C-alpha atoms as a PDB file:
ATOM      1  CA  MET A   1       6.111  -4.192  11.055  1.00  0.00           C
ATOM      2  CA  THR A   2       3.041  -2.188  12.017  1.00  0.00           C
ATOM      3  CA  THR A   3      -0.177  -3.873  13.043  1.00  0.00           C
ATOM      4  CA  THR A   4      -1.816  -2.774   9.806  1.00  0.00           C
ATOM      5  CA  ALA A   5       1.033  -4.199   7.712  1.00  0.00           C
ATOM      6  CA  ALA A   6       0.712  -7.471   9.648  1.00  0.00           C
ATOM      7  CA  ASP A   7      -3.013  -7.450   8.839  1.00  0.00           C
ATOM      8  CA  ILE A   8      -2.151  -7.045   5.144  1.00  0.00           C
ATOM      9  CA  VAL A   9       0.175 -10.051   5.370  1.00  0.00           C
ATOM     10  CA  ALA A  10      -2.655 -12.110   6.883  1.00  0.00           C
ATOM     11  CA  LEU A  11      -5.071 -10.977   4.159  1.00  0.00           C
ATOM     12  CA  LEU A  12      -2.565 -11.889   1.445  1.00  0.00           C
ATOM     13  CA  ARG A  13      -1.898 -15.297   2.979  1.00  0.00           C
ATOM     14  CA  ALA A  14      -5.664 -15.859   3.134  1.00  0.00           C
ATOM     15  CA  ARG A  15      -5.740 -15.076  -0.614  1.00  0.00           C
ATOM     16  CA  ASN A  16      -7.992 -12.017  -0.415  1.00  0.00           C
ATOM     17  CA  PRO A  17      -7.793 -10.729  -3.991  1.00  0.00           C
ATOM     18  CA  LEU A  18      -8.978  -7.136  -3.509  1.00  0.00           C
ATOM     19  CA  ILE A  19      -8.068  -4.666  -0.769  1.00  0.00           C
ATOM     20  CA  TRP A  20      -9.059  -0.976  -0.696  1.00  0.00           C
ATOM     21  CA  ILE A  21      -6.669   1.171   1.351  1.00  0.00           C
ATOM     22  CA  THR A  22      -7.540   4.758   2.143  1.00  0.00           C
ATOM     23  CA  THR A  23      -4.526   6.927   2.916  1.00  0.00           C
ATOM     24  CA  ARG A  24      -2.996  10.300   2.256  1.00  0.00           C
ATOM     25  CA  GLU A  25       0.460   8.964   3.152  1.00  0.00           C
ATOM     26  CA  VAL A  26       1.203   7.043  -0.011  1.00  0.00           C
ATOM     27  CA  ALA A  27       4.994   6.773   0.388  1.00  0.00           C
ATOM     28  CA  ARG A  28       4.757   5.508   3.975  1.00  0.00           C
ATOM     29  CA  CYS A  29       2.007   3.072   3.035  1.00  0.00           C
ATOM     30  CA  VAL A  30       3.906   1.783  -0.020  1.00  0.00           C
ATOM     31  CA  ARG A  31       6.979   1.057   2.127  1.00  0.00           C
ATOM     32  CA  ALA A  32       4.842  -0.965   4.535  1.00  0.00           C
ATOM     33  CA  LEU A  33       3.103  -2.780   1.669  1.00  0.00           C
ATOM     34  CA  ALA A  34       6.484  -3.787   0.229  1.00  0.00           C
ATOM     35  CA  VAL A  35       7.416  -5.321   3.594  1.00  0.00           C
ATOM     36  CA  ALA A  36       4.028  -7.062   3.769  1.00  0.00           C
ATOM     37  CA  ALA A  37       4.414  -8.402   0.224  1.00  0.00           C
ATOM     38  CA  ALA A  38       7.834  -9.834   1.044  1.00  0.00           C
ATOM     39  CA  ALA A  39       6.516 -11.436   4.238  1.00  0.00           C
ATOM     40  CA  ALA A  40       3.680 -13.086   2.287  1.00  0.00           C
ATOM     41  CA  GLN A  41       6.078 -14.033  -0.540  1.00  0.00           C
ATOM     42  CA  TYR A  42       4.481 -11.810  -3.177  1.00  0.00           C
ATOM     43  CA  GLU A  43       6.459  -9.808  -5.716  1.00  0.00           C
ATOM     44  CA  PRO A  44       5.266  -6.175  -5.462  1.00  0.00           C
ATOM     45  CA  ARG A  45       4.230  -4.249  -8.578  1.00  0.00           C
ATOM     46  CA  PHE A  46       3.021  -0.657  -8.596  1.00  0.00           C
ATOM     47  CA  TRP A  47       0.897   1.145 -11.140  1.00  0.00           C
ATOM     48  CA  ASP A  48      -0.423   4.615 -11.770  1.00  0.00           C
ATOM     49  CA  CYS A  49      -1.578   6.322 -14.930  1.00  0.00           C
ATOM     50  CA  ALA A  50       1.469   8.605 -15.101  1.00  0.00           C
ATOM     51  CA  THR A  51       4.312   6.094 -14.712  1.00  0.00           C
ATOM     52  CA  GLY A  52       2.817   2.765 -15.755  1.00  0.00           C
ATOM     53  CA  VAL A  53       4.056  -0.389 -14.020  1.00  0.00           C
ATOM     54  CA  THR A  54       7.089  -0.044 -11.744  1.00  0.00           C
ATOM     55  CA  ASP A  55       8.941  -2.012  -9.119  1.00  0.00           C
ATOM     56  CA  LEU A  56       9.428  -0.830  -5.538  1.00  0.00           C
ATOM     57  CA  SER A  57      12.364   1.406  -6.466  1.00  0.00           C
ATOM     58  CA  GLY A  58      10.238   3.173  -9.087  1.00  0.00           C
ATOM     59  CA  ARG A  59      12.127   1.585 -11.972  1.00  0.00           C
ATOM     60  CA  ALA A  60       9.844   1.198 -14.968  1.00  0.00           C
ATOM     61  CA  ILE A  61       8.839  -2.352 -15.774  1.00  0.00           C
ATOM     62  CA  ASP A  62       6.302  -1.358 -18.404  1.00  0.00           C
ATOM     63  CA  ALA A  63       5.880   2.403 -18.746  1.00  0.00           C
ATOM     64  CA  GLY A  64       3.506   1.851 -21.660  1.00  0.00           C
ATOM     65  CA  ILE A  65       0.737   0.478 -19.446  1.00  0.00           C
ATOM     66  CA  THR A  66      -0.929   3.739 -18.429  1.00  0.00           C
ATOM     67  CA  ASP A  67      -4.518   2.733 -19.215  1.00  0.00           C
ATOM     68  CA  PRO A  68      -6.499   1.100 -16.359  1.00  0.00           C
ATOM     69  CA  ALA A  69      -7.931  -1.576 -18.649  1.00  0.00           C
ATOM     70  CA  ALA A  70      -4.408  -2.464 -19.787  1.00  0.00           C
ATOM     71  CA  VAL A  71      -3.135  -2.913 -16.230  1.00  0.00           C
ATOM     72  CA  LEU A  72      -6.115  -5.116 -15.384  1.00  0.00           C
ATOM     73  CA  ALA A  73      -5.258  -7.237 -18.431  1.00  0.00           C
ATOM     74  CA  ALA A  74      -1.612  -7.405 -17.339  1.00  0.00           C
ATOM     75  CA  ILE A  75      -2.655  -8.615 -13.888  1.00  0.00           C
ATOM     76  CA  ARG A  76      -5.013 -11.160 -15.421  1.00  0.00           C
ATOM     77  CA  ASP A  77      -2.360 -12.468 -17.822  1.00  0.00           C
ATOM     78  CA  SER A  78       0.462 -12.649 -15.291  1.00  0.00           C
ATOM     79  CA  ARG A  79       1.351 -16.066 -13.938  1.00  0.00           C
ATOM     80  CA  ARG A  80       3.613 -14.816 -11.164  1.00  0.00           C
ATOM     81  CA  ARG A  81       2.825 -14.524  -7.469  1.00  0.00           C
ATOM     82  CA  GLN A  82       2.393 -10.752  -7.282  1.00  0.00           C
ATOM     83  CA  LEU A  83       0.861  -7.987  -5.243  1.00  0.00           C
ATOM     84  CA  TRP A  84      -0.358  -5.213  -7.527  1.00  0.00           C
ATOM     85  CA  VAL A  85      -0.696  -1.803  -5.871  1.00  0.00           C
ATOM     86  CA  LEU A  86      -2.857   0.408  -8.084  1.00  0.00           C
ATOM     87  CA  ARG A  87      -2.523   4.044  -7.089  1.00  0.00           C
ATOM     88  CA  ASP A  88      -5.421   6.400  -7.759  1.00  0.00           C
ATOM     89  CA  LEU A  89      -7.599   4.000  -9.759  1.00  0.00           C
ATOM     90  CA  ALA A  90     -10.729   5.326  -7.983  1.00  0.00           C
ATOM     91  CA  PRO A  91     -11.635   8.000 -10.604  1.00  0.00           C
ATOM     92  CA  TRP A  92     -11.711   5.326 -13.338  1.00  0.00           C
ATOM     93  CA  LEU A  93     -14.140   3.243 -11.307  1.00  0.00           C
ATOM     94  CA  ARG A  94     -16.897   5.586 -12.522  1.00  0.00           C
ATOM     95  CA  ASP A  95     -16.510   3.779 -15.851  1.00  0.00           C
ATOM     96  CA  PRO A  96     -18.682   0.633 -15.718  1.00  0.00           C
ATOM     97  CA  THR A  97     -16.246  -1.323 -17.896  1.00  0.00           C
ATOM     98  CA  ILE A  98     -13.362  -0.685 -15.464  1.00  0.00           C
ATOM     99  CA  THR A  99     -15.530  -1.515 -12.449  1.00  0.00           C
ATOM    100  CA  ARG A 100     -16.697  -4.723 -14.137  1.00  0.00           C
ATOM    101  CA  GLY A 101     -13.084  -5.501 -15.046  1.00  0.00           C
ATOM    102  CA  VAL A 102     -11.987  -5.175 -11.421  1.00  0.00           C
ATOM    103  CA  ARG A 103     -14.898  -7.317 -10.207  1.00  0.00           C
ATOM    104  CA  SER A 104     -14.280 -10.038 -12.766  1.00  0.00           C
ATOM    105  CA  LEU A 105     -10.553 -10.016 -12.110  1.00  0.00           C
ATOM    106  CA  ALA A 106     -11.055 -10.262  -8.335  1.00  0.00           C
ATOM    107  CA  ARG A 107     -13.285 -13.289  -8.832  1.00  0.00           C
ATOM    108  CA  ALA A 108     -10.788 -14.921 -11.232  1.00  0.00           C
ATOM    109  CA  LEU A 109      -7.860 -14.341  -8.863  1.00  0.00           C
ATOM    110  CA  THR A 110      -9.497 -16.475  -6.184  1.00  0.00           C
ATOM    111  CA  LEU A 111      -9.228 -19.433  -8.590  1.00  0.00           C
ATOM    112  CA  ALA A 112      -5.543 -19.007  -9.447  1.00  0.00           C
ATOM    113  CA  PRO A 113      -3.139 -21.703  -8.241  1.00  0.00           C
ATOM    114  CA  ARG A 114      -1.187 -20.810  -5.096  1.00  0.00           C
ATOM    115  CA  GLU A 115       2.095 -20.280  -6.964  1.00  0.00           C
ATOM    116  CA  GLU A 116       0.303 -17.858  -9.341  1.00  0.00           C
ATOM    117  CA  ALA A 117      -1.631 -16.030  -6.618  1.00  0.00           C
ATOM    118  CA  ARG A 118      -2.132 -12.351  -7.284  1.00  0.00           C
ATOM    119  CA  ALA A 119      -3.781  -9.677  -5.190  1.00  0.00           C
ATOM    120  CA  ILE A 120      -4.770  -6.101  -5.925  1.00  0.00           C
ATOM    121  CA  ILE A 121      -4.555  -3.197  -3.533  1.00  0.00           C
ATOM    122  CA  LEU A 122      -6.391  -0.058  -4.575  1.00  0.00           C
ATOM    123  CA  LEU A 123      -4.482   2.762  -2.875  1.00  0.00           C
ATOM    124  CA  THR A 124      -6.454   5.992  -2.780  1.00  0.00           C
ATOM    125  CA  PRO A 125      -7.284   8.993  -0.594  1.00  0.00           C
ATOM    126  CA  SER A 126     -10.971   8.342  -1.313  1.00  0.00           C
ATOM    127  CA  THR A 127     -13.154   6.487   1.167  1.00  0.00           C
ATOM    128  CA  GLU A 128     -15.924   6.155  -1.442  1.00  0.00           C
ATOM    129  CA  ILE A 129     -15.920   2.514  -2.441  1.00  0.00           C
ATOM    130  CA  PRO A 130     -18.257   1.949  -5.374  1.00  0.00           C
ATOM    131  CA  PRO A 131     -21.231  -0.169  -4.264  1.00  0.00           C
ATOM    132  CA  GLU A 132     -20.366  -2.689  -6.988  1.00  0.00           C
ATOM    133  CA  LEU A 133     -17.019  -3.381  -5.254  1.00  0.00           C
ATOM    134  CA  ALA A 134     -18.053  -2.981  -1.628  1.00  0.00           C
ATOM    135  CA  GLY A 135     -18.957  -6.639  -1.214  1.00  0.00           C
ATOM    136  CA  GLN A 136     -15.774  -7.885  -2.899  1.00  0.00           C
ATOM    137  CA  CYS A 137     -13.061  -5.877  -1.214  1.00  0.00           C
ATOM    138  CA  ILE A 138     -11.617  -5.484   2.241  1.00  0.00           C
ATOM    139  CA  ALA A 139     -11.485  -1.808   3.224  1.00  0.00           C
ATOM    140  CA  ILE A 140      -8.686  -0.479   5.418  1.00  0.00           C
ATOM    141  CA  ASP A 141      -8.063   3.057   6.637  1.00  0.00           C
ATOM    142  CA  TRP A 142      -4.287   3.332   6.869  1.00  0.00           C
ATOM    143  CA  PRO A 143      -3.541   4.751  10.324  1.00  0.00           C
ATOM    144  CA  LEU A 144      -1.362   7.699  11.121  1.00  0.00           C
ATOM    145  CA  PRO A 145       1.982   6.887  12.762  1.00  0.00           C
ATOM    146  CA  ASP A 146       1.684   5.695  16.362  1.00  0.00           C
ATOM    147  CA  ARG A 147       3.940   6.734  19.261  1.00  0.00           C
ATOM    148  CA  ALA A 148       6.439   3.946  18.584  1.00  0.00           C
ATOM    149  CA  GLU A 149       6.816   4.858  14.896  1.00  0.00           C
ATOM    150  CA  ILE A 150       7.119   8.558  15.688  1.00  0.00           C
ATOM    151  CA  GLY A 151       9.688   7.734  18.382  1.00  0.00           C
ATOM    152  CA  ALA A 152      11.742   5.699  15.902  1.00  0.00           C
ATOM    153  CA  ILE A 153      11.673   8.565  13.376  1.00  0.00           C
ATOM    154  CA  LEU A 154      12.683  11.060  16.074  1.00  0.00           C
ATOM    155  CA  ASP A 155      15.475   8.790  17.341  1.00  0.00           C
ATOM    156  CA  ALA A 156      16.849   8.441  13.805  1.00  0.00           C
ATOM    157  CA  ALA A 157      16.769  12.226  13.367  1.00  0.00           C
ATOM    158  CA  ILE A 158      18.540  12.750  16.720  1.00  0.00           C
ATOM    159  CA  ALA A 159      21.182  10.140  15.845  1.00  0.00           C
ATOM    160  CA  ALA A 160      22.015  12.124  12.706  1.00  0.00           C
ATOM    161  CA  LEU A 161      22.750  15.263  14.737  1.00  0.00           C
ATOM    162  CA  PRO A 162      26.209  16.209  15.968  1.00  0.00           C
ATOM    163  CA  PRO A 163      26.830  14.543  19.377  1.00  0.00           C
ATOM    164  CA  GLU A 164      26.733  17.781  21.397  1.00  0.00           C
ATOM    165  CA  ILE A 165      23.313  18.688  19.992  1.00  0.00           C
ATOM    166  CA  ALA A 166      21.967  15.114  20.211  1.00  0.00           C
ATOM    167  CA  ALA A 167      22.845  14.969  23.920  1.00  0.00           C
ATOM    168  CA  THR A 168      20.665  17.989  24.712  1.00  0.00           C
ATOM    169  CA  ALA A 169      17.762  16.737  22.567  1.00  0.00           C
ATOM    170  CA  ALA A 170      16.976  13.921  25.007  1.00  0.00           C
ATOM    171  CA  GLN A 171      17.120  16.051  28.175  1.00  0.00           C
ATOM    172  CA  ASN A 172      14.254  17.243  30.339  1.00  0.00           C
ATOM    173  CA  GLY A 173      11.578  15.097  28.680  1.00  0.00           C
ATOM    174  CA  ALA A 174      12.009  16.856  25.353  1.00  0.00           C
ATOM    175  CA  ARG A 175      11.786  13.558  23.466  1.00  0.00           C
ATOM    176  CA  GLU A 176       8.430  12.615  24.995  1.00  0.00           C
ATOM    177  CA  ALA A 177       7.110  16.153  24.499  1.00  0.00           C
ATOM    178  CA  ALA A 178       8.109  16.058  20.826  1.00  0.00           C
ATOM    179  CA  ILE A 179       6.389  12.671  20.376  1.00  0.00           C
ATOM    180  CA  ASP A 180       3.251  13.994  22.115  1.00  0.00           C
ATOM    181  CA  ALA A 181       3.249  16.996  19.775  1.00  0.00           C
ATOM    182  CA  ALA A 182       3.600  14.786  16.678  1.00  0.00           C
ATOM    183  CA  VAL A 183       0.871  12.248  17.509  1.00  0.00           C
ATOM    184  CA  GLY A 184      -1.947  12.691  14.994  1.00  0.00           C
ATOM    185  CA  LEU A 185       0.266  14.210  12.294  1.00  0.00           C
ATOM    186  CA  THR A 186       1.287  12.608   9.023  1.00  0.00           C
END
């Protein structure tokens, strides 16, 4: 688990109801959030306006909930311990009723019993947090992969190669050079 994912676990355990994550690596971030949700004993739910509510595998749970106000109502009405990852909600936060809905919901979630705890993660490439939400959410910039993560990806790729090619891939410092070249990339 990455340091950032461990931080998410700590925030969930501390019952922080609203987290704003800025990233351009949605798939990588979602995988880490699923691990964090499991570690904090939250059931992950994902939403975007195109697919509605899904589980981690992308299987539709409620494809009819494509409206932001409807997903906020679904979160409010749920009585399950869940982590709701809302992808690309930021454009709708220009609507004062959606912004107010998020603020009110965040406040209400702090009062939910522990077994009904819910948290919202707003996953977006935008760093522009509306001033109305800035005081109510924790903001996190999702980091690019570090050397260890890049090394693990490279090792998995090398392991998938035929043995004669894999043996030459680790010679002459090629592995470290490849990791150095990939640091800072998505």
